[in-house]
PDB file of all heavy atoms in Angstrom:
ATOM      1  N   TRP A   1      69.397  -9.461 -51.924  1.00  0.00           N
ATOM      2  CA  TRP A   1      69.533  -8.388 -51.204  1.00  0.00           C
ATOM      3  C   TRP A   1      68.708  -7.134 -51.614  1.00  0.00           C
ATOM      4  O   TRP A   1      68.704  -6.810 -52.838  1.00  0.00           O
ATOM      5  CB  TRP A   1      71.035  -7.811 -51.168  1.00  0.00           C
ATOM      6  CG  TRP A   1      71.463  -6.719 -50.468  1.00  0.00           C
ATOM      7  CD1 TRP A   1      71.553  -5.435 -50.742  1.00  0.00           C
ATOM      8  CD2 TRP A   1      71.712  -6.766 -49.092  1.00  0.00           C
ATOM      9  NE1 TRP A   1      71.919  -4.607 -49.678  1.00  0.00           N
ATOM     10  CE2 TRP A   1      71.969  -5.460 -48.606  1.00  0.00           C
ATOM     11  CE3 TRP A   1      71.624  -7.770 -48.002  1.00  0.00           C
ATOM     12  CZ2 TRP A   1      72.194  -5.107 -47.200  1.00  0.00           C
ATOM     13  CZ3 TRP A   1      71.931  -7.408 -46.747  1.00  0.00           C
ATOM     14  CH2 TRP A   1      72.115  -6.109 -46.283  1.00  0.00           C
ATOM     15  N   GLN A   2      68.006  -6.460 -50.703  1.00  0.00           N
ATOM     16  CA  GLN A   2      67.257  -5.437 -50.913  1.00  0.00           C
ATOM     17  C   GLN A   2      67.393  -4.255 -49.883  1.00  0.00           C
ATOM     18  O   GLN A   2      66.544  -3.417 -49.702  1.00  0.00           O
ATOM     19  CB  GLN A   2      65.739  -5.693 -51.033  1.00  0.00           C
ATOM     20  CG  GLN A   2      65.279  -6.742 -52.077  1.00  0.00           C
ATOM     21  CD  GLN A   2      63.936  -7.082 -51.995  1.00  0.00           C
ATOM     22  OE1 GLN A   2      63.042  -6.206 -52.035  1.00  0.00           O
ATOM     23  NE2 GLN A   2      63.621  -8.340 -51.971  1.00  0.00           N
ATOM     24  N   GLY A   3      68.412  -4.277 -49.125  1.00  0.00           N
ATOM     25  CA  GLY A   3      68.784  -3.474 -48.020  1.00  0.00           C
ATOM     26  C   GLY A   3      68.665  -4.134 -46.842  1.00  0.00           C
ATOM     27  O   GLY A   3      68.003  -5.197 -46.632  1.00  0.00           O
ATOM     28  N   PHE A   4      69.332  -3.674 -45.745  1.00  0.00           N
ATOM     29  CA  PHE A   4      69.430  -4.234 -44.378  1.00  0.00           C
ATOM     30  C   PHE A   4      67.959  -4.374 -43.838  1.00  0.00           C
ATOM     31  O   PHE A   4      67.592  -5.427 -43.154  1.00  0.00           O
ATOM     32  CB  PHE A   4      70.237  -3.419 -43.397  1.00  0.00           C
ATOM     33  CG  PHE A   4      71.666  -3.703 -43.568  1.00  0.00           C
ATOM     34  CD1 PHE A   4      72.409  -2.758 -44.358  1.00  0.00           C
ATOM     35  CD2 PHE A   4      72.314  -4.502 -42.910  1.00  0.00           C
ATOM     36  CE1 PHE A   4      73.751  -2.885 -44.566  1.00  0.00           C
ATOM     37  CE2 PHE A   4      73.692  -4.853 -43.095  1.00  0.00           C
ATOM     38  CZ  PHE A   4      74.429  -3.914 -43.929  1.00  0.00           C
ATOM     39  N   ALA A   5      67.010  -3.443 -43.974  1.00  0.00           N
ATOM     40  CA  ALA A   5      65.751  -3.471 -43.408  1.00  0.00           C
ATOM     41  C   ALA A   5      64.883  -4.567 -44.033  1.00  0.00           C
ATOM     42  O   ALA A   5      64.347  -5.462 -43.186  1.00  0.00           O
ATOM     43  CB  ALA A   5      65.032  -2.221 -43.643  1.00  0.00           C
ATOM     44  N   VAL A   6      64.808  -4.730 -45.249  1.00  0.00           N
ATOM     45  CA  VAL A   6      64.107  -5.943 -45.878  1.00  0.00           C
ATOM     46  C   VAL A   6      64.794  -7.191 -45.543  1.00  0.00           C
ATOM     47  O   VAL A   6      64.068  -8.204 -45.252  1.00  0.00           O
ATOM     48  CB  VAL A   6      64.107  -5.697 -47.498  1.00  0.00           C
ATOM     49  CG1 VAL A   6      63.658  -6.948 -48.165  1.00  0.00           C
ATOM     50  CG2 VAL A   6      63.289  -4.517 -47.890  1.00  0.00           C
ATOM     51  N   GLN A   7      66.075  -7.263 -45.533  1.00  0.00           N
ATOM     52  CA  GLN A   7      66.669  -8.579 -45.285  1.00  0.00           C
ATOM     53  C   GLN A   7      66.433  -9.033 -43.798  1.00  0.00           C
ATOM     54  O   GLN A   7      66.136 -10.225 -43.606  1.00  0.00           O
ATOM     55  CB  GLN A   7      68.235  -8.417 -45.440  1.00  0.00           C
ATOM     56  CG  GLN A   7      68.967  -9.776 -45.723  1.00  0.00           C
ATOM     57  CD  GLN A   7      68.834 -10.253 -47.181  1.00  0.00           C
ATOM     58  OE1 GLN A   7      67.887  -9.651 -47.781  1.00  0.00           O
ATOM     59  NE2 GLN A   7      69.450 -11.348 -47.545  1.00  0.00           N
ATOM     60  N   LYS A   8      66.524  -8.155 -42.924  1.00  0.00           N
ATOM     61  CA  LYS A   8      66.149  -8.560 -41.488  1.00  0.00           C
ATOM     62  C   LYS A   8      64.829  -8.800 -41.294  1.00  0.00           C
ATOM     63  O   LYS A   8      64.433  -9.673 -40.480  1.00  0.00           O
ATOM     64  CB  LYS A   8      66.834  -7.465 -40.491  1.00  0.00           C
ATOM     65  CG  LYS A   8      68.310  -7.437 -40.489  1.00  0.00           C
ATOM     66  CD  LYS A   8      68.782  -6.796 -39.291  1.00  0.00           C
ATOM     67  CE  LYS A   8      70.332  -6.839 -39.118  1.00  0.00           C
ATOM     68  NZ  LYS A   8      70.947  -6.310 -37.910  1.00  0.00           N
ATOM     69  N   ALA A   9      63.853  -8.038 -41.814  1.00  0.00           N
ATOM     70  CA  ALA A   9      62.476  -8.309 -41.735  1.00  0.00           C
ATOM     71  C   ALA A   9      62.121  -9.671 -42.244  1.00  0.00           C
ATOM     72  O   ALA A   9      61.319 -10.472 -41.725  1.00  0.00           O
ATOM     73  CB  ALA A   9      61.686  -7.134 -42.402  1.00  0.00           C
ATOM     74  N   TYR A  10      62.691 -10.042 -43.433  1.00  0.00           N
ATOM     75  CA  TYR A  10      62.440 -11.309 -43.967  1.00  0.00           C
ATOM     76  C   TYR A  10      62.894 -12.436 -43.125  1.00  0.00           C
ATOM     77  O   TYR A  10      62.313 -13.379 -42.917  1.00  0.00           O
ATOM     78  CB  TYR A  10      63.072 -11.433 -45.306  1.00  0.00           C
ATOM     79  CG  TYR A  10      63.018 -12.705 -46.016  1.00  0.00           C
ATOM     80  CD1 TYR A  10      61.835 -13.120 -46.620  1.00  0.00           C
ATOM     81  CD2 TYR A  10      64.109 -13.561 -45.968  1.00  0.00           C
ATOM     82  CE1 TYR A  10      61.700 -14.427 -47.148  1.00  0.00           C
ATOM     83  CE2 TYR A  10      64.045 -14.878 -46.628  1.00  0.00           C
ATOM     84  CZ  TYR A  10      62.750 -15.264 -47.127  1.00  0.00           C
ATOM     85  OH  TYR A  10      62.745 -16.479 -47.710  1.00  0.00           O
ATOM     86  N   ALA A  11      64.065 -12.234 -42.487  1.00  0.00           N
ATOM     87  CA  ALA A  11      64.689 -13.236 -41.650  1.00  0.00           C
ATOM     88  C   ALA A  11      63.860 -13.477 -40.505  1.00  0.00           C
ATOM     89  O   ALA A  11      63.617 -14.688 -40.009  1.00  0.00           O
ATOM     90  CB  ALA A  11      66.086 -12.901 -41.225  1.00  0.00           C
ATOM     91  N   ALA A  12      63.219 -12.380 -39.901  1.00  0.00           N
ATOM     92  CA  ALA A  12      62.403 -12.388 -38.775  1.00  0.00           C
ATOM     93  C   ALA A  12      61.079 -13.205 -39.160  1.00  0.00           C
ATOM     94  O   ALA A  12      60.522 -13.857 -38.309  1.00  0.00           O
ATOM     95  CB  ALA A  12      61.958 -11.105 -38.132  1.00  0.00           C
ATOM     96  N   SER A  13      60.648 -13.033 -40.274  1.00  0.00           N
ATOM     97  CA  SER A  13      59.366 -13.622 -40.653  1.00  0.00           C
ATOM     98  C   SER A  13      59.477 -15.030 -40.874  1.00  0.00           C
ATOM     99  O   SER A  13      58.482 -15.847 -40.834  1.00  0.00           O
ATOM    100  CB  SER A  13      58.925 -13.087 -42.078  1.00  0.00           C
ATOM    101  OG  SER A  13      59.746 -13.544 -43.188  1.00  0.00           O
ATOM    102  N   LEU A  14      60.716 -15.646 -40.988  1.00  0.00           N
ATOM    103  CA  LEU A  14      60.912 -17.127 -40.977  1.00  0.00           C
ATOM    104  C   LEU A  14      60.940 -17.843 -39.755  1.00  0.00           C
ATOM    105  O   LEU A  14      60.872 -18.992 -39.647  1.00  0.00           O
ATOM    106  CB  LEU A  14      62.297 -17.343 -41.824  1.00  0.00           C
ATOM    107  CG  LEU A  14      62.348 -16.891 -43.225  1.00  0.00           C
ATOM    108  CD1 LEU A  14      63.887 -17.152 -43.776  1.00  0.00           C
ATOM    109  CD2 LEU A  14      61.411 -17.492 -44.052  1.00  0.00           C
ATOM    110  N   CYS A  15      61.001 -16.969 -38.693  1.00  0.00           N
ATOM    111  CA  CYS A  15      61.148 -17.589 -37.341  1.00  0.00           C
ATOM    112  C   CYS A  15      59.850 -18.191 -36.817  1.00  0.00           C
ATOM    113  O   CYS A  15      58.794 -17.603 -37.071  1.00  0.00           O
ATOM    114  CB  CYS A  15      61.667 -16.539 -36.327  1.00  0.00           C
ATOM    115  SG  CYS A  15      63.234 -15.843 -36.730  1.00  0.00           S
ATOM    116  N   ARG A  16      59.984 -19.223 -36.058  1.00  0.00           N
ATOM    117  CA  ARG A  16      58.751 -19.911 -35.631  1.00  0.00           C
ATOM    118  C   ARG A  16      58.473 -19.485 -34.166  1.00  0.00           C
ATOM    119  O   ARG A  16      57.382 -19.801 -33.604  1.00  0.00           O
ATOM    120  CB  ARG A  16      58.905 -21.547 -35.714  1.00  0.00           C
ATOM    121  CG  ARG A  16      60.063 -21.991 -34.925  1.00  0.00           C
ATOM    122  CD  ARG A  16      60.019 -23.527 -34.799  1.00  0.00           C
ATOM    123  NE  ARG A  16      61.171 -24.177 -34.164  1.00  0.00           N
ATOM    124  CZ  ARG A  16      62.126 -24.881 -34.798  1.00  0.00           C
ATOM    125  NH1 ARG A  16      61.954 -25.072 -36.140  1.00  0.00           N
ATOM    126  NH2 ARG A  16      63.064 -25.286 -34.162  1.00  0.00           N
ATOM    127  N   ASN A  17      59.351 -18.764 -33.407  1.00  0.00           N
ATOM    128  CA  ASN A  17      59.062 -18.268 -32.146  1.00  0.00           C
ATOM    129  C   ASN A  17      58.716 -16.772 -32.205  1.00  0.00           C
ATOM    130  O   ASN A  17      59.048 -16.074 -32.964  1.00  0.00           O
ATOM    131  CB  ASN A  17      60.321 -18.519 -31.188  1.00  0.00           C
ATOM    132  CG  ASN A  17      60.673 -19.927 -31.032  1.00  0.00           C
ATOM    133  OD1 ASN A  17      59.909 -20.678 -30.337  1.00  0.00           O
ATOM    134  ND2 ASN A  17      61.550 -20.479 -31.679  1.00  0.00           N
ATOM    135  N   ASP A  18      57.927 -16.412 -31.127  1.00  0.00           N
ATOM    136  CA  ASP A  18      57.571 -15.020 -31.065  1.00  0.00           C
ATOM    137  C   ASP A  18      58.650 -14.156 -30.614  1.00  0.00           C
ATOM    138  O   ASP A  18      58.895 -13.033 -31.134  1.00  0.00           O
ATOM    139  CB  ASP A  18      56.413 -14.891 -30.078  1.00  0.00           C
ATOM    140  CG  ASP A  18      55.111 -15.375 -30.546  1.00  0.00           C
ATOM    141  OD1 ASP A  18      54.919 -15.325 -31.671  1.00  0.00           O
ATOM    142  OD2 ASP A  18      54.173 -15.898 -29.716  1.00  0.00           O
ATOM    143  N   TRP A  19      59.499 -14.711 -29.759  1.00  0.00           N
ATOM    144  CA  TRP A  19      60.734 -13.947 -29.335  1.00  0.00           C
ATOM    145  C   TRP A  19      61.908 -14.395 -30.316  1.00  0.00           C
ATOM    146  O   TRP A  19      62.203 -15.474 -30.462  1.00  0.00           O
ATOM    147  CB  TRP A  19      61.113 -14.418 -27.885  1.00  0.00           C
ATOM    148  CG  TRP A  19      60.306 -13.693 -26.956  1.00  0.00           C
ATOM    149  CD1 TRP A  19      59.284 -14.289 -26.194  1.00  0.00           C
ATOM    150  CD2 TRP A  19      60.400 -12.370 -26.432  1.00  0.00           C
ATOM    151  NE1 TRP A  19      58.649 -13.454 -25.368  1.00  0.00           N
ATOM    152  CE2 TRP A  19      59.312 -12.156 -25.397  1.00  0.00           C
ATOM    153  CE3 TRP A  19      61.242 -11.333 -26.714  1.00  0.00           C
ATOM    154  CZ2 TRP A  19      59.259 -10.986 -24.684  1.00  0.00           C
ATOM    155  CZ3 TRP A  19      61.144 -10.187 -25.946  1.00  0.00           C
ATOM    156  CH2 TRP A  19      60.156  -9.991 -25.017  1.00  0.00           C
ATOM    157  N   VAL A  20      62.469 -13.160 -30.756  1.00  0.00           N
ATOM    158  CA  VAL A  20      63.599 -13.431 -31.775  1.00  0.00           C
ATOM    159  C   VAL A  20      64.734 -12.528 -31.318  1.00  0.00           C
ATOM    160  O   VAL A  20      64.630 -11.458 -30.746  1.00  0.00           O
ATOM    161  CB  VAL A  20      63.169 -12.962 -33.167  1.00  0.00           C
ATOM    162  CG1 VAL A  20      62.006 -13.884 -33.597  1.00  0.00           C
ATOM    163  CG2 VAL A  20      62.665 -11.559 -33.252  1.00  0.00           C
ATOM    164  N   LEU A  21      66.044 -13.043 -31.631  1.00  0.00           N
ATOM    165  CA  LEU A  21      67.274 -12.303 -31.406  1.00  0.00           C
ATOM    166  C   LEU A  21      67.945 -12.065 -32.672  1.00  0.00           C
ATOM    167  O   LEU A  21      68.281 -12.999 -33.358  1.00  0.00           O
ATOM    168  CB  LEU A  21      68.162 -13.222 -30.453  1.00  0.00           C
ATOM    169  CG  LEU A  21      69.492 -12.659 -30.108  1.00  0.00           C
ATOM    170  CD1 LEU A  21      69.432 -11.391 -29.333  1.00  0.00           C
ATOM    171  CD2 LEU A  21      70.290 -13.631 -29.280  1.00  0.00           C
ATOM    172  N   ASP A  22      68.139 -10.877 -32.905  1.00  0.00           N
ATOM    173  CA  ASP A  22      68.762 -10.361 -34.090  1.00  0.00           C
ATOM    174  C   ASP A  22      70.273 -10.170 -33.930  1.00  0.00           C
ATOM    175  O   ASP A  22      70.616  -9.400 -33.074  1.00  0.00           O
ATOM    176  CB  ASP A  22      68.144  -8.974 -34.527  1.00  0.00           C
ATOM    177  CG  ASP A  22      68.878  -8.180 -35.620  1.00  0.00           C
ATOM    178  OD1 ASP A  22      69.672  -8.923 -36.285  1.00  0.00           O
ATOM    179  OD2 ASP A  22      68.665  -6.961 -35.830  1.00  0.00           O
ATOM    180  N   LEU A  23      71.073 -11.042 -34.587  1.00  0.00           N
ATOM    181  CA  LEU A  23      72.503 -10.968 -34.440  1.00  0.00           C
ATOM    182  C   LEU A  23      73.196 -10.656 -35.799  1.00  0.00           C
ATOM    183  O   LEU A  23      72.693 -11.367 -36.739  1.00  0.00           O
ATOM    184  CB  LEU A  23      73.129 -12.186 -33.853  1.00  0.00           C
ATOM    185  CG  LEU A  23      72.974 -12.368 -32.285  1.00  0.00           C
ATOM    186  CD1 LEU A  23      73.682 -13.703 -31.908  1.00  0.00           C
ATOM    187  CD2 LEU A  23      73.808 -11.181 -31.549  1.00  0.00           C
ATOM    188  N   ASP A  24      74.181  -9.821 -35.813  1.00  0.00           N
ATOM    189  CA  ASP A  24      75.016  -9.766 -37.099  1.00  0.00           C
ATOM    190  C   ASP A  24      76.029 -10.684 -37.021  1.00  0.00           C
ATOM    191  O   ASP A  24      76.481 -11.309 -35.936  1.00  0.00           O
ATOM    192  CB  ASP A  24      75.646  -8.354 -37.155  1.00  0.00           C
ATOM    193  CG  ASP A  24      74.500  -7.301 -37.496  1.00  0.00           C
ATOM    194  OD1 ASP A  24      73.486  -7.832 -38.138  1.00  0.00           O
ATOM    195  OD2 ASP A  24      74.663  -6.124 -37.295  1.00  0.00           O
ATOM    196  N   ALA A  25      76.746 -11.076 -38.138  1.00  0.00           N
ATOM    197  CA  ALA A  25      77.671 -12.011 -38.217  1.00  0.00           C
ATOM    198  C   ALA A  25      79.018 -11.570 -37.559  1.00  0.00           C
ATOM    199  O   ALA A  25      79.898 -12.388 -37.349  1.00  0.00           O
ATOM    200  CB  ALA A  25      77.935 -12.460 -39.693  1.00  0.00           C
ATOM    201  N   ASP A  26      79.051 -10.367 -37.310  1.00  0.00           N
ATOM    202  CA  ASP A  26      80.310  -9.795 -36.654  1.00  0.00           C
ATOM    203  C   ASP A  26      80.022  -9.534 -35.055  1.00  0.00           C
ATOM    204  O   ASP A  26      80.748  -8.752 -34.503  1.00  0.00           O
ATOM    205  CB  ASP A  26      80.815  -8.573 -37.231  1.00  0.00           C
ATOM    206  CG  ASP A  26      79.753  -7.424 -37.358  1.00  0.00           C
ATOM    207  OD1 ASP A  26      78.648  -7.631 -36.859  1.00  0.00           O
ATOM    208  OD2 ASP A  26      80.144  -6.240 -37.907  1.00  0.00           O
ATOM    209  N   GLU A  27      79.033 -10.193 -34.572  1.00  0.00           N
ATOM    210  CA  GLU A  27      78.707  -9.890 -33.170  1.00  0.00           C
ATOM    211  C   GLU A  27      78.686 -11.324 -32.363  1.00  0.00           C
ATOM    212  O   GLU A  27      78.121 -12.383 -32.838  1.00  0.00           O
ATOM    213  CB  GLU A  27      77.194  -9.291 -33.063  1.00  0.00           C
ATOM    214  CG  GLU A  27      77.300  -7.944 -33.641  1.00  0.00           C
ATOM    215  CD  GLU A  27      75.820  -7.382 -33.712  1.00  0.00           C
ATOM    216  OE1 GLU A  27      74.879  -8.173 -33.605  1.00  0.00           O
ATOM    217  OE2 GLU A  27      75.634  -6.128 -34.008  1.00  0.00           O
ATOM    218  N   VAL A  28      79.295 -11.313 -31.258  1.00  0.00           N
ATOM    219  CA  VAL A  28      79.390 -12.488 -30.458  1.00  0.00           C
ATOM    220  C   VAL A  28      78.854 -12.197 -29.007  1.00  0.00           C
ATOM    221  O   VAL A  28      79.179 -11.123 -28.397  1.00  0.00           O
ATOM    222  CB  VAL A  28      80.850 -12.968 -30.178  1.00  0.00           C
ATOM    223  CG1 VAL A  28      80.882 -14.222 -29.350  1.00  0.00           C
ATOM    224  CG2 VAL A  28      81.327 -13.262 -31.725  1.00  0.00           C
ATOM    225  N   LEU A  29      77.955 -13.046 -28.450  1.00  0.00           N
ATOM    226  CA  LEU A  29      77.452 -12.775 -27.067  1.00  0.00           C
ATOM    227  C   LEU A  29      78.490 -13.136 -25.961  1.00  0.00           C
ATOM    228  O   LEU A  29      79.058 -14.199 -26.134  1.00  0.00           O
ATOM    229  CB  LEU A  29      76.166 -13.659 -26.924  1.00  0.00           C
ATOM    230  CG  LEU A  29      75.041 -13.412 -27.964  1.00  0.00           C
ATOM    231  CD1 LEU A  29      73.859 -14.234 -27.511  1.00  0.00           C
ATOM    232  CD2 LEU A  29      74.665 -11.963 -28.126  1.00  0.00           C
ATOM    233  N   SER A  30      78.573 -12.283 -25.001  1.00  0.00           N
ATOM    234  CA  SER A  30      79.521 -12.697 -23.816  1.00  0.00           C
ATOM    235  C   SER A  30      78.886 -13.703 -23.013  1.00  0.00           C
ATOM    236  O   SER A  30      77.690 -14.037 -23.086  1.00  0.00           O
ATOM    237  CB  SER A  30      79.656 -11.467 -23.124  1.00  0.00           C
ATOM    238  OG  SER A  30      78.408 -11.022 -22.390  1.00  0.00           O
ATOM    239  N   ASP A  31      79.678 -14.368 -22.215  1.00  0.00           N
ATOM    240  CA  ASP A  31      79.280 -15.386 -21.235  1.00  0.00           C
ATOM    241  C   ASP A  31      78.149 -14.795 -20.373  1.00  0.00           C
ATOM    242  O   ASP A  31      77.195 -15.503 -20.067  1.00  0.00           O
ATOM    243  CB  ASP A  31      80.398 -15.937 -20.455  1.00  0.00           C
ATOM    244  CG  ASP A  31      81.352 -16.739 -21.331  1.00  0.00           C
ATOM    245  OD1 ASP A  31      80.962 -17.217 -22.437  1.00  0.00           O
ATOM    246  OD2 ASP A  31      82.580 -16.997 -20.814  1.00  0.00           O
ATOM    247  N   GLU A  32      78.398 -13.589 -19.861  1.00  0.00           N
ATOM    248  CA  GLU A  32      77.531 -13.063 -18.979  1.00  0.00           C
ATOM    249  C   GLU A  32      76.047 -12.727 -19.542  1.00  0.00           C
ATOM    250  O   GLU A  32      74.985 -13.150 -19.032  1.00  0.00           O
ATOM    251  CB  GLU A  32      77.971 -11.647 -18.401  1.00  0.00           C
ATOM    252  CG  GLU A  32      77.064 -10.983 -17.435  1.00  0.00           C
ATOM    253  CD  GLU A  32      77.416  -9.569 -17.106  1.00  0.00           C
ATOM    254  OE1 GLU A  32      78.332  -9.043 -17.762  1.00  0.00           O
ATOM    255  OE2 GLU A  32      76.783  -8.970 -16.219  1.00  0.00           O
ATOM    256  N   LEU A  33      76.068 -12.480 -20.872  1.00  0.00           N
ATOM    257  CA  LEU A  33      74.803 -12.157 -21.552  1.00  0.00           C
ATOM    258  C   LEU A  33      74.080 -13.474 -21.846  1.00  0.00           C
ATOM    259  O   LEU A  33      72.885 -13.522 -21.618  1.00  0.00           O
ATOM    260  CB  LEU A  33      75.050 -11.457 -22.911  1.00  0.00           C
ATOM    261  CG  LEU A  33      73.799 -11.060 -23.710  1.00  0.00           C
ATOM    262  CD1 LEU A  33      72.775 -10.273 -22.891  1.00  0.00           C
ATOM    263  CD2 LEU A  33      74.239 -10.285 -24.993  1.00  0.00           C
ATOM    264  N   VAL A  34      74.724 -14.498 -22.133  1.00  0.00           N
ATOM    265  CA  VAL A  34      74.157 -15.759 -22.392  1.00  0.00           C
ATOM    266  C   VAL A  34      73.497 -16.400 -21.124  1.00  0.00           C
ATOM    267  O   VAL A  34      72.389 -16.740 -21.155  1.00  0.00           O
ATOM    268  CB  VAL A  34      75.239 -16.851 -23.037  1.00  0.00           C
ATOM    269  CG1 VAL A  34      74.631 -18.231 -23.022  1.00  0.00           C
ATOM    270  CG2 VAL A  34      75.656 -16.479 -24.317  1.00  0.00           C
ATOM    271  N   SER A  35      74.278 -16.182 -20.077  1.00  0.00           N
ATOM    272  CA  SER A  35      73.697 -16.672 -18.731  1.00  0.00           C
ATOM    273  C   SER A  35      72.457 -15.878 -18.421  1.00  0.00           C
ATOM    274  O   SER A  35      71.448 -16.422 -17.958  1.00  0.00           O
ATOM    275  CB  SER A  35      74.814 -16.381 -17.715  1.00  0.00           C
ATOM    276  OG  SER A  35      74.318 -16.874 -16.432  1.00  0.00           O
ATOM    277  N   ASN A  36      72.530 -14.606 -18.639  1.00  0.00           N
ATOM    278  CA  ASN A  36      71.271 -13.699 -18.191  1.00  0.00           C
ATOM    279  C   ASN A  36      70.035 -14.013 -19.160  1.00  0.00           C
ATOM    280  O   ASN A  36      68.971 -13.879 -18.789  1.00  0.00           O
ATOM    281  CB  ASN A  36      71.718 -12.243 -18.233  1.00  0.00           C
ATOM    282  CG  ASN A  36      72.477 -11.910 -16.903  1.00  0.00           C
ATOM    283  OD1 ASN A  36      72.331 -12.510 -15.952  1.00  0.00           O
ATOM    284  ND2 ASN A  36      73.477 -11.096 -17.142  1.00  0.00           N
ATOM    285  N   LEU A  37      70.407 -14.268 -20.437  1.00  0.00           N
ATOM    286  CA  LEU A  37      69.269 -14.672 -21.302  1.00  0.00           C
ATOM    287  C   LEU A  37      68.685 -16.011 -20.965  1.00  0.00           C
ATOM    288  O   LEU A  37      67.403 -16.070 -21.053  1.00  0.00           O
ATOM    289  CB  LEU A  37      69.816 -14.797 -22.763  1.00  0.00           C
ATOM    290  CG  LEU A  37      70.179 -13.509 -23.452  1.00  0.00           C
ATOM    291  CD1 LEU A  37      70.841 -13.785 -24.739  1.00  0.00           C
ATOM    292  CD2 LEU A  37      68.926 -12.689 -23.721  1.00  0.00           C
ATOM    293  N   LYS A  38      69.412 -16.911 -20.544  1.00  0.00           N
ATOM    294  CA  LYS A  38      68.955 -18.256 -20.062  1.00  0.00           C
ATOM    295  C   LYS A  38      67.988 -18.022 -18.806  1.00  0.00           C
ATOM    296  O   LYS A  38      66.885 -18.568 -18.702  1.00  0.00           O
ATOM    297  CB  LYS A  38      70.068 -19.208 -19.710  1.00  0.00           C
ATOM    298  CG  LYS A  38      70.704 -19.634 -20.894  1.00  0.00           C
ATOM    299  CD  LYS A  38      71.846 -20.641 -20.582  1.00  0.00           C
ATOM    300  CE  LYS A  38      72.541 -21.144 -21.697  1.00  0.00           C
ATOM    301  NZ  LYS A  38      73.675 -22.017 -21.498  1.00  0.00           N
ATOM    302  N   ALA A  39      68.441 -17.176 -17.925  1.00  0.00           N
ATOM    303  CA  ALA A  39      67.738 -16.806 -16.739  1.00  0.00           C
ATOM    304  C   ALA A  39      66.434 -16.108 -17.068  1.00  0.00           C
ATOM    305  O   ALA A  39      65.352 -16.326 -16.541  1.00  0.00           O
ATOM    306  CB  ALA A  39      68.504 -16.040 -15.744  1.00  0.00           C
ATOM    307  N   LEU A  40      66.490 -15.283 -18.076  1.00  0.00           N
ATOM    308  CA  LEU A  40      65.219 -14.479 -18.447  1.00  0.00           C
ATOM    309  C   LEU A  40      64.131 -15.390 -18.986  1.00  0.00           C
ATOM    310  O   LEU A  40      62.982 -15.180 -18.643  1.00  0.00           O
ATOM    311  CB  LEU A  40      65.671 -13.469 -19.578  1.00  0.00           C
ATOM    312  CG  LEU A  40      64.373 -12.630 -20.173  1.00  0.00           C
ATOM    313  CD1 LEU A  40      63.915 -11.807 -19.201  1.00  0.00           C
ATOM    314  CD2 LEU A  40      64.988 -11.870 -21.438  1.00  0.00           C
ATOM    315  N   PHE A  41      64.573 -16.438 -19.670  1.00  0.00           N
ATOM    316  CA  PHE A  41      63.499 -17.347 -20.305  1.00  0.00           C
ATOM    317  C   PHE A  41      63.358 -18.621 -19.498  1.00  0.00           C
ATOM    318  O   PHE A  41      62.714 -19.607 -20.003  1.00  0.00           O
ATOM    319  CB  PHE A  41      63.912 -17.724 -21.610  1.00  0.00           C
ATOM    320  CG  PHE A  41      63.707 -16.663 -22.661  1.00  0.00           C
ATOM    321  CD1 PHE A  41      64.674 -15.708 -23.004  1.00  0.00           C
ATOM    322  CD2 PHE A  41      62.406 -16.490 -23.195  1.00  0.00           C
ATOM    323  CE1 PHE A  41      64.404 -14.710 -23.857  1.00  0.00           C
ATOM    324  CE2 PHE A  41      62.125 -15.515 -24.169  1.00  0.00           C
ATOM    325  CZ  PHE A  41      63.145 -14.558 -24.467  1.00  0.00           C
ATOM    326  N   GLU A  42      63.779 -18.597 -18.153  1.00  0.00           N
ATOM    327  CA  GLU A  42      63.364 -19.759 -17.339  1.00  0.00           C
ATOM    328  C   GLU A  42      61.844 -19.737 -17.119  1.00  0.00           C
ATOM    329  O   GLU A  42      61.276 -20.867 -16.978  1.00  0.00           O
ATOM    330  CB  GLU A  42      64.028 -19.700 -16.007  1.00  0.00           C
ATOM    331  CG  GLU A  42      65.522 -19.966 -15.992  1.00  0.00           C
ATOM    332  CD  GLU A  42      66.268 -19.916 -14.739  1.00  0.00           C
ATOM    333  OE1 GLU A  42      65.530 -19.483 -13.695  1.00  0.00           O
ATOM    334  OE2 GLU A  42      67.363 -20.297 -14.612  1.00  0.00           O
ATOM    335  N   GLN A  43      61.359 -18.573 -17.222  1.00  0.00           N
ATOM    336  CA  GLN A  43      59.914 -18.408 -17.271  1.00  0.00           C
ATOM    337  C   GLN A  43      59.521 -17.516 -18.457  1.00  0.00           C
ATOM    338  O   GLN A  43      60.484 -16.709 -18.828  1.00  0.00           O
ATOM    339  CB  GLN A  43      59.354 -17.809 -15.941  1.00  0.00           C
ATOM    340  CG  GLN A  43      59.491 -18.833 -14.735  1.00  0.00           C
ATOM    341  CD  GLN A  43      58.949 -18.227 -13.530  1.00  0.00           C
ATOM    342  OE1 GLN A  43      58.678 -17.035 -13.373  1.00  0.00           O
ATOM    343  NE2 GLN A  43      58.711 -19.059 -12.523  1.00  0.00           N
ATOM    344  N   GLU A  44      58.339 -17.538 -18.972  1.00  0.00           N
ATOM    345  CA  GLU A  44      57.952 -16.529 -20.006  1.00  0.00           C
ATOM    346  C   GLU A  44      58.312 -15.152 -19.548  1.00  0.00           C
ATOM    347  O   GLU A  44      57.602 -14.831 -18.555  1.00  0.00           O
ATOM    348  CB  GLU A  44      56.534 -16.842 -20.479  1.00  0.00           C
ATOM    349  CG  GLU A  44      55.976 -15.893 -21.498  1.00  0.00           C
ATOM    350  CD  GLU A  44      56.632 -16.183 -22.795  1.00  0.00           C
ATOM    351  OE1 GLU A  44      57.194 -17.274 -23.078  1.00  0.00           O
ATOM    352  OE2 GLU A  44      56.484 -15.305 -23.681  1.00  0.00           O
TER     353      GLU A  44
END
């Protein structure tokens, strides 16, 4: 741990995709949001 900023920047650096979704462990996506995210990425 070196603070939230360093921790999240490090996590993002590990990702293999250009598009990243930052979620905290106390956050849950609603059904509507999941559906709309899928629709968003049907195309780039």
